Amino acid sequence: MNFLLFKTSKQQQLGLVFWIALLSISCLVHQFVFDSTGIAQDSFSYSLVSLYLFFGVFSTVLMAIVFRVRSRNFDLLGMSFLIVTTLKMLICFLLVRPILKSTTVSASIEKTNFFVMFIVFLAIETVVTIRILNEKQ
């Protein structure tokens, strides 16, 4: 499996497969928790699947950029991570605005859900980037 931007190593390919599996399992578990606790998602602005797709795709793109920058100019890795993360935060702010303005009964659950997902994905991206930065060149 090769990306169009760069050639991937076996470790990166396994990481991508693991990432997709982890996303799929966590989405299913999240959906199961919502269903088993009776949390209705009908009034949510964004479905769980759409949020997982957004955060998952954006995280994959971010990691692809980080790996690309690492192979070209390791010294710019941290700065490129910060730029892409800032872009992600701006897009997330635009996405969360309807949720923040919502006055439905489930608005607090939806706000908490969005921000927890944002923090979890950001933490995973940060840990992966820190591990890459700590590698020996």
N, C-alpha and C. Protein backbone atom coordinates (compact mmCIF):
# COMPACT_ATOMS: atom_id res chain seq x y z
N MET A 1 0.84 -1.17 0.00
CA MET A 1 0.00 0.00 0.00
C MET A 1 0.88 1.23 0.00
N ASN A 2 0.74 2.08 -0.97
CA ASN A 2 1.49 3.33 -1.06
C ASN A 2 0.53 4.50 -1.14
N PHE A 3 0.83 5.52 -0.38
CA PHE A 3 0.09 6.76 -0.50
C PHE A 3 0.63 7.51 -1.70
N LEU A 4 -0.16 8.41 -2.21
CA LEU A 4 0.30 9.20 -3.34
C LEU A 4 1.40 10.17 -2.93
N LEU A 5 1.38 10.62 -1.67
CA LEU A 5 2.35 11.61 -1.22
C LEU A 5 3.72 11.02 -0.92
N PHE A 6 3.76 9.80 -0.40
CA PHE A 6 5.04 9.22 -0.01
C PHE A 6 4.91 7.72 0.08
N LYS A 7 6.03 7.07 0.03
CA LYS A 7 6.05 5.62 0.19
C LYS A 7 5.99 5.30 1.67
N THR A 8 5.23 4.27 2.00
CA THR A 8 5.06 3.91 3.40
C THR A 8 5.88 2.68 3.73
N SER A 9 6.36 2.67 4.96
CA SER A 9 7.07 1.49 5.44
C SER A 9 6.05 0.49 5.98
N LYS A 10 6.50 -0.71 6.26
CA LYS A 10 5.63 -1.74 6.83
C LYS A 10 5.05 -1.27 8.16
N GLN A 11 5.88 -0.58 8.96
CA GLN A 11 5.43 -0.09 10.26
C GLN A 11 4.32 0.95 10.08
N GLN A 12 4.43 1.83 9.10
CA GLN A 12 3.40 2.83 8.85
C GLN A 12 2.13 2.17 8.32
N GLN A 13 2.28 1.15 7.50
CA GLN A 13 1.11 0.44 6.99
C GLN A 13 0.37 -0.26 8.13
N LEU A 14 1.12 -0.91 9.02
CA LEU A 14 0.49 -1.56 10.17
C LEU A 14 -0.16 -0.53 11.09
N GLY A 15 0.50 0.61 11.24
CA GLY A 15 -0.08 1.67 12.05
C GLY A 15 -1.39 2.18 11.48
N LEU A 16 -1.45 2.31 10.16
CA LEU A 16 -2.68 2.76 9.50
C LEU A 16 -3.80 1.74 9.68
N VAL A 17 -3.48 0.47 9.52
CA VAL A 17 -4.48 -0.59 9.71
C VAL A 17 -4.95 -0.60 11.16
N PHE A 18 -4.01 -0.46 12.10
CA PHE A 18 -4.37 -0.40 13.52
C PHE A 18 -5.24 0.81 13.81
N TRP A 19 -4.92 1.95 13.21
CA TRP A 19 -5.68 3.19 13.41
C TRP A 19 -7.11 3.03 12.91
N ILE A 20 -7.30 2.45 11.73
CA ILE A 20 -8.64 2.24 11.18
C ILE A 20 -9.43 1.27 12.04
N ALA A 21 -8.77 0.20 12.50
CA ALA A 21 -9.45 -0.76 13.38
C ALA A 21 -9.84 -0.12 14.70
N LEU A 22 -8.95 0.68 15.27
CA LEU A 22 -9.24 1.37 16.53
C LEU A 22 -10.40 2.34 16.37
N LEU A 23 -10.41 3.09 15.28
CA LEU A 23 -11.52 4.01 15.01
C LEU A 23 -12.84 3.27 14.88
N SER A 24 -12.83 2.19 14.14
CA SER A 24 -14.06 1.42 13.92
C SER A 24 -14.59 0.84 15.21
N ILE A 25 -13.71 0.26 16.00
CA ILE A 25 -14.13 -0.34 17.27
C ILE A 25 -14.63 0.72 18.24
N SER A 26 -13.92 1.84 18.34
CA SER A 26 -14.35 2.88 19.27
C SER A 26 -15.68 3.50 18.83
N CYS A 27 -15.91 3.63 17.54
CA CYS A 27 -17.18 4.14 17.05
C CYS A 27 -18.32 3.18 17.40
N LEU A 28 -18.09 1.89 17.21
CA LEU A 28 -19.11 0.90 17.56
C LEU A 28 -19.39 0.88 19.06
N VAL A 29 -18.36 0.96 19.87
CA VAL A 29 -18.53 0.99 21.33
C VAL A 29 -19.27 2.26 21.74
N HIS A 30 -18.89 3.38 21.17
CA HIS A 30 -19.55 4.65 21.46
C HIS A 30 -21.03 4.58 21.11
N GLN A 31 -21.33 4.04 19.93
CA GLN A 31 -22.72 3.89 19.51
C GLN A 31 -23.48 2.96 20.45
N PHE A 32 -22.84 1.87 20.87
CA PHE A 32 -23.47 0.92 21.80
C PHE A 32 -23.77 1.58 23.13
N VAL A 33 -22.86 2.39 23.64
CA VAL A 33 -23.07 3.09 24.91
C VAL A 33 -24.25 4.05 24.79
N PHE A 34 -24.31 4.79 23.70
CA PHE A 34 -25.43 5.71 23.50
C PHE A 34 -26.76 4.95 23.42
N ASP A 35 -26.76 3.83 22.68
CA ASP A 35 -27.98 3.05 22.52
C ASP A 35 -28.40 2.39 23.84
N SER A 36 -27.44 1.86 24.58
CA SER A 36 -27.77 1.15 25.82
C SER A 36 -28.20 2.10 26.95
N THR A 37 -27.73 3.33 26.92
CA THR A 37 -28.14 4.29 27.94
C THR A 37 -29.37 5.08 27.52
N GLY A 38 -29.84 4.88 26.31
CA GLY A 38 -31.05 5.53 25.85
C GLY A 38 -30.87 6.97 25.41
N ILE A 39 -29.65 7.35 25.08
CA ILE A 39 -29.40 8.72 24.61
C ILE A 39 -29.84 8.81 23.15
N ALA A 40 -30.83 9.64 22.92
CA ALA A 40 -31.36 9.81 21.56
C ALA A 40 -30.46 10.78 20.80
N GLN A 41 -30.07 10.38 19.60
CA GLN A 41 -29.18 11.20 18.78
C GLN A 41 -29.92 11.89 17.65
N ASP A 42 -31.24 11.81 17.67
CA ASP A 42 -32.03 12.39 16.59
C ASP A 42 -31.89 13.91 16.51
N SER A 43 -31.72 14.54 17.67
CA SER A 43 -31.64 16.00 17.67
C SER A 43 -30.20 16.51 17.59
N PHE A 44 -29.23 15.61 17.50
CA PHE A 44 -27.83 16.02 17.38
C PHE A 44 -27.60 16.70 16.04
N SER A 45 -26.74 17.67 16.02
CA SER A 45 -26.39 18.34 14.77
C SER A 45 -25.58 17.42 13.86
N TYR A 46 -24.71 16.61 14.46
CA TYR A 46 -23.86 15.69 13.70
C TYR A 46 -23.96 14.30 14.32
N SER A 47 -24.07 13.29 13.48
CA SER A 47 -24.14 11.93 13.97
C SER A 47 -22.77 11.47 14.46
N LEU A 48 -22.76 10.42 15.25
CA LEU A 48 -21.48 9.87 15.73
C LEU A 48 -20.60 9.44 14.57
N VAL A 49 -21.19 8.81 13.59
CA VAL A 49 -20.42 8.32 12.44
C VAL A 49 -19.78 9.49 11.71
N SER A 50 -20.52 10.58 11.51
CA SER A 50 -19.94 11.71 10.80
C SER A 50 -18.82 12.36 11.61
N LEU A 51 -18.96 12.42 12.94
CA LEU A 51 -17.88 12.96 13.77
C LEU A 51 -16.65 12.07 13.73
N TYR A 52 -16.85 10.75 13.82
CA TYR A 52 -15.71 9.84 13.74
C TYR A 52 -15.05 9.93 12.36
N LEU A 53 -15.85 10.05 11.32
CA LEU A 53 -15.26 10.19 9.98
C LEU A 53 -14.45 11.47 9.88
N PHE A 54 -15.01 12.58 10.36
CA PHE A 54 -14.29 13.85 10.30
C PHE A 54 -12.98 13.77 11.08
N PHE A 55 -13.06 13.39 12.35
CA PHE A 55 -11.86 13.35 13.18
C PHE A 55 -10.87 12.29 12.69
N GLY A 56 -11.38 11.15 12.24
CA GLY A 56 -10.49 10.10 11.74
C GLY A 56 -9.77 10.48 10.47
N VAL A 57 -10.50 11.06 9.53
CA VAL A 57 -9.87 11.49 8.27
C VAL A 57 -8.89 12.62 8.54
N PHE A 58 -9.29 13.57 9.38
CA PHE A 58 -8.40 14.70 9.65
C PHE A 58 -7.13 14.22 10.36
N SER A 59 -7.26 13.27 11.29
CA SER A 59 -6.09 12.74 11.98
C SER A 59 -5.18 11.98 11.03
N THR A 60 -5.77 11.24 10.10
CA THR A 60 -4.99 10.51 9.12
C THR A 60 -4.24 11.48 8.21
N VAL A 61 -4.90 12.53 7.78
CA VAL A 61 -4.24 13.55 6.95
C VAL A 61 -3.12 14.22 7.74
N LEU A 62 -3.39 14.54 9.00
CA LEU A 62 -2.37 15.18 9.83
C LEU A 62 -1.14 14.27 9.96
N MET A 63 -1.37 12.99 10.20
CA MET A 63 -0.24 12.07 10.34
C MET A 63 0.49 11.89 9.02
N ALA A 64 -0.23 11.91 7.90
CA ALA A 64 0.42 11.82 6.59
C ALA A 64 1.31 13.03 6.37
N ILE A 65 0.84 14.20 6.77
CA ILE A 65 1.65 15.42 6.64
C ILE A 65 2.86 15.34 7.54
N VAL A 66 2.68 14.86 8.76
CA VAL A 66 3.80 14.74 9.71
C VAL A 66 4.84 13.78 9.16
N PHE A 67 4.41 12.63 8.62
CA PHE A 67 5.38 11.67 8.06
C PHE A 67 6.07 12.24 6.83
N ARG A 68 5.34 13.00 6.04
CA ARG A 68 5.94 13.61 4.85
C ARG A 68 7.00 14.64 5.24
N VAL A 69 6.66 15.49 6.22
CA VAL A 69 7.61 16.51 6.67
C VAL A 69 8.82 15.85 7.33
N ARG A 70 8.58 14.77 8.08
CA ARG A 70 9.70 14.06 8.73
C ARG A 70 10.69 13.55 7.70
N SER A 71 10.19 13.05 6.58
CA SER A 71 11.10 12.50 5.58
C SER A 71 11.82 13.59 4.79
N ARG A 72 11.24 14.78 4.72
CA ARG A 72 11.86 15.86 3.96
C ARG A 72 12.73 16.78 4.80
N ASN A 73 12.18 17.27 5.92
CA ASN A 73 12.91 18.21 6.76
C ASN A 73 12.45 18.03 8.20
N PHE A 74 13.18 17.22 8.94
CA PHE A 74 12.81 16.86 10.31
C PHE A 74 12.69 18.08 11.21
N ASP A 75 13.45 19.13 10.94
CA ASP A 75 13.44 20.32 11.80
C ASP A 75 12.11 21.08 11.76
N LEU A 76 11.33 20.90 10.72
CA LEU A 76 10.05 21.59 10.59
C LEU A 76 8.86 20.76 11.08
N LEU A 77 9.13 19.60 11.65
CA LEU A 77 8.07 18.68 12.04
C LEU A 77 7.13 19.28 13.09
N GLY A 78 7.69 19.84 14.15
CA GLY A 78 6.86 20.41 15.21
C GLY A 78 6.03 21.58 14.73
N MET A 79 6.62 22.43 13.93
CA MET A 79 5.90 23.59 13.41
C MET A 79 4.78 23.17 12.48
N SER A 80 5.03 22.18 11.63
CA SER A 80 3.97 21.73 10.72
C SER A 80 2.82 21.09 11.51
N PHE A 81 3.14 20.36 12.58
CA PHE A 81 2.11 19.78 13.43
C PHE A 81 1.25 20.89 14.04
N LEU A 82 1.90 21.95 14.53
CA LEU A 82 1.15 23.05 15.14
C LEU A 82 0.27 23.77 14.12
N ILE A 83 0.76 23.95 12.92
CA ILE A 83 -0.03 24.63 11.87
C ILE A 83 -1.26 23.80 11.50
N VAL A 84 -1.07 22.51 11.28
CA VAL A 84 -2.20 21.65 10.90
C VAL A 84 -3.18 21.52 12.06
N THR A 85 -2.68 21.45 13.28
CA THR A 85 -3.57 21.38 14.45
C THR A 85 -4.37 22.67 14.61
N THR A 86 -3.75 23.80 14.35
CA THR A 86 -4.47 25.07 14.41
C THR A 86 -5.57 25.11 13.35
N LEU A 87 -5.27 24.64 12.16
CA LEU A 87 -6.27 24.57 11.10
C LEU A 87 -7.43 23.66 11.53
N LYS A 88 -7.10 22.54 12.14
CA LYS A 88 -8.13 21.62 12.63
C LYS A 88 -9.00 22.30 13.69
N MET A 89 -8.38 23.06 14.59
CA MET A 89 -9.15 23.76 15.62
C MET A 89 -10.09 24.78 15.01
N LEU A 90 -9.65 25.49 13.99
CA LEU A 90 -10.52 26.46 13.32
C LEU A 90 -11.71 25.78 12.66
N ILE A 91 -11.47 24.68 11.99
CA ILE A 91 -12.56 23.94 11.35
C ILE A 91 -13.51 23.38 12.40
N CYS A 92 -12.95 22.87 13.49
CA CYS A 92 -13.80 22.35 14.57
C CYS A 92 -14.64 23.46 15.20
N PHE A 93 -14.08 24.65 15.32
CA PHE A 93 -14.85 25.76 15.85
C PHE A 93 -16.04 26.07 14.95
N LEU A 94 -15.82 26.03 13.64
CA LEU A 94 -16.92 26.26 12.72
C LEU A 94 -17.97 25.16 12.81
N LEU A 95 -17.51 23.93 13.04
CA LEU A 95 -18.45 22.81 13.18
C LEU A 95 -19.22 22.86 14.49
N VAL A 96 -18.60 23.34 15.56
CA VAL A 96 -19.23 23.29 16.88
C VAL A 96 -20.17 24.48 17.11
N ARG A 97 -20.11 25.49 16.29
CA ARG A 97 -20.97 26.66 16.49
C ARG A 97 -22.46 26.32 16.54
N PRO A 98 -22.99 25.48 15.63
CA PRO A 98 -24.41 25.12 15.75
C PRO A 98 -24.72 24.36 17.05
N ILE A 99 -23.77 23.57 17.50
CA ILE A 99 -23.98 22.83 18.74
C ILE A 99 -24.01 23.78 19.93
N LEU A 100 -23.14 24.78 19.93
CA LEU A 100 -23.10 25.74 21.03
C LEU A 100 -24.36 26.59 21.08
N LYS A 101 -24.96 26.86 19.93
CA LYS A 101 -26.16 27.68 19.87
C LYS A 101 -27.43 26.88 20.12
N SER A 102 -27.32 25.56 20.13
CA SER A 102 -28.47 24.69 20.28
C SER A 102 -29.07 24.82 21.69
N THR A 103 -30.39 24.78 21.75
CA THR A 103 -31.08 24.86 23.04
C THR A 103 -31.91 23.61 23.31
N THR A 104 -31.65 22.55 22.57
CA THR A 104 -32.40 21.32 22.77
C THR A 104 -32.01 20.67 24.08
N VAL A 105 -32.82 19.69 24.49
CA VAL A 105 -32.59 18.99 25.75
C VAL A 105 -31.25 18.25 25.72
N SER A 106 -30.90 17.70 24.57
CA SER A 106 -29.67 16.90 24.46
C SER A 106 -28.45 17.74 24.08
N ALA A 107 -28.57 19.06 24.11
CA ALA A 107 -27.46 19.92 23.69
C ALA A 107 -26.23 19.73 24.58
N SER A 108 -26.43 19.60 25.87
CA SER A 108 -25.27 19.43 26.76
C SER A 108 -24.55 18.12 26.50
N ILE A 109 -25.31 17.08 26.19
CA ILE A 109 -24.70 15.78 25.87
C ILE A 109 -23.91 15.89 24.57
N GLU A 110 -24.49 16.58 23.60
CA GLU A 110 -23.81 16.73 22.31
C GLU A 110 -22.54 17.57 22.44
N LYS A 111 -22.60 18.63 23.23
CA LYS A 111 -21.41 19.46 23.47
C LYS A 111 -20.31 18.65 24.12
N THR A 112 -20.67 17.92 25.16
CA THR A 112 -19.69 17.08 25.87
C THR A 112 -19.11 16.04 24.93
N ASN A 113 -19.96 15.41 24.15
CA ASN A 113 -19.53 14.38 23.20
C ASN A 113 -18.52 14.96 22.20
N PHE A 114 -18.82 16.12 21.63
CA PHE A 114 -17.95 16.74 20.64
C PHE A 114 -16.59 17.08 21.24
N PHE A 115 -16.60 17.73 22.41
CA PHE A 115 -15.34 18.17 23.00
C PHE A 115 -14.50 17.00 23.50
N VAL A 116 -15.14 15.97 24.03
CA VAL A 116 -14.38 14.80 24.47
C VAL A 116 -13.74 14.12 23.26
N MET A 117 -14.49 13.99 22.17
CA MET A 117 -13.90 13.39 20.97
C MET A 117 -12.75 14.24 20.44
N PHE A 118 -12.91 15.56 20.46
CA PHE A 118 -11.85 16.45 20.00
C PHE A 118 -10.59 16.26 20.85
N ILE A 119 -10.75 16.23 22.17
CA ILE A 119 -9.61 16.10 23.08
C ILE A 119 -8.94 14.74 22.91
N VAL A 120 -9.73 13.68 22.77
CA VAL A 120 -9.14 12.33 22.62
C VAL A 120 -8.33 12.25 21.33
N PHE A 121 -8.89 12.71 20.23
CA PHE A 121 -8.15 12.66 18.96
C PHE A 121 -6.91 13.56 19.00
N LEU A 122 -7.04 14.72 19.61
CA LEU A 122 -5.89 15.62 19.73
C LEU A 122 -4.79 14.97 20.58
N ALA A 123 -5.18 14.30 21.65
CA ALA A 123 -4.19 13.63 22.51
C ALA A 123 -3.46 12.53 21.75
N ILE A 124 -4.20 11.75 20.98
CA ILE A 124 -3.57 10.67 20.20
C ILE A 124 -2.61 11.24 19.18
N GLU A 125 -3.03 12.27 18.47
CA GLU A 125 -2.16 12.90 17.47
C GLU A 125 -0.90 13.47 18.13
N THR A 126 -1.07 14.08 19.29
CA THR A 126 0.07 14.67 19.99
C THR A 126 1.04 13.60 20.45
N VAL A 127 0.54 12.51 21.00
CA VAL A 127 1.41 11.42 21.46
C VAL A 127 2.20 10.83 20.28
N VAL A 128 1.53 10.61 19.16
CA VAL A 128 2.23 10.07 17.99
C VAL A 128 3.30 11.04 17.51
N THR A 129 2.99 12.33 17.47
CA THR A 129 3.97 13.32 17.03
C THR A 129 5.13 13.41 18.00
N ILE A 130 4.86 13.34 19.29
CA ILE A 130 5.95 13.36 20.29
C ILE A 130 6.86 12.16 20.10
N ARG A 131 6.28 11.00 19.86
CA ARG A 131 7.11 9.80 19.64
C ARG A 131 7.98 9.96 18.40
N ILE A 132 7.43 10.56 17.36
CA ILE A 132 8.22 10.79 16.14
C ILE A 132 9.34 11.78 16.42
N LEU A 133 9.02 12.84 17.17
CA LEU A 133 10.04 13.85 17.49
C LEU A 133 11.15 13.27 18.37
N ASN A 134 10.84 12.29 19.19
CA ASN A 134 11.83 11.69 20.08
C ASN A 134 12.66 10.62 19.39
N GLU A 135 12.31 10.26 18.18
CA GLU A 135 13.10 9.26 17.44
C GLU A 135 14.46 9.83 17.07
N LYS A 136 15.40 8.98 16.95
CA LYS A 136 16.71 9.38 16.42
C LYS A 136 16.59 9.45 14.90
N GLN A 137 17.19 10.45 14.32
CA GLN A 137 17.13 10.58 12.87
C GLN A 137 17.93 9.53 12.19
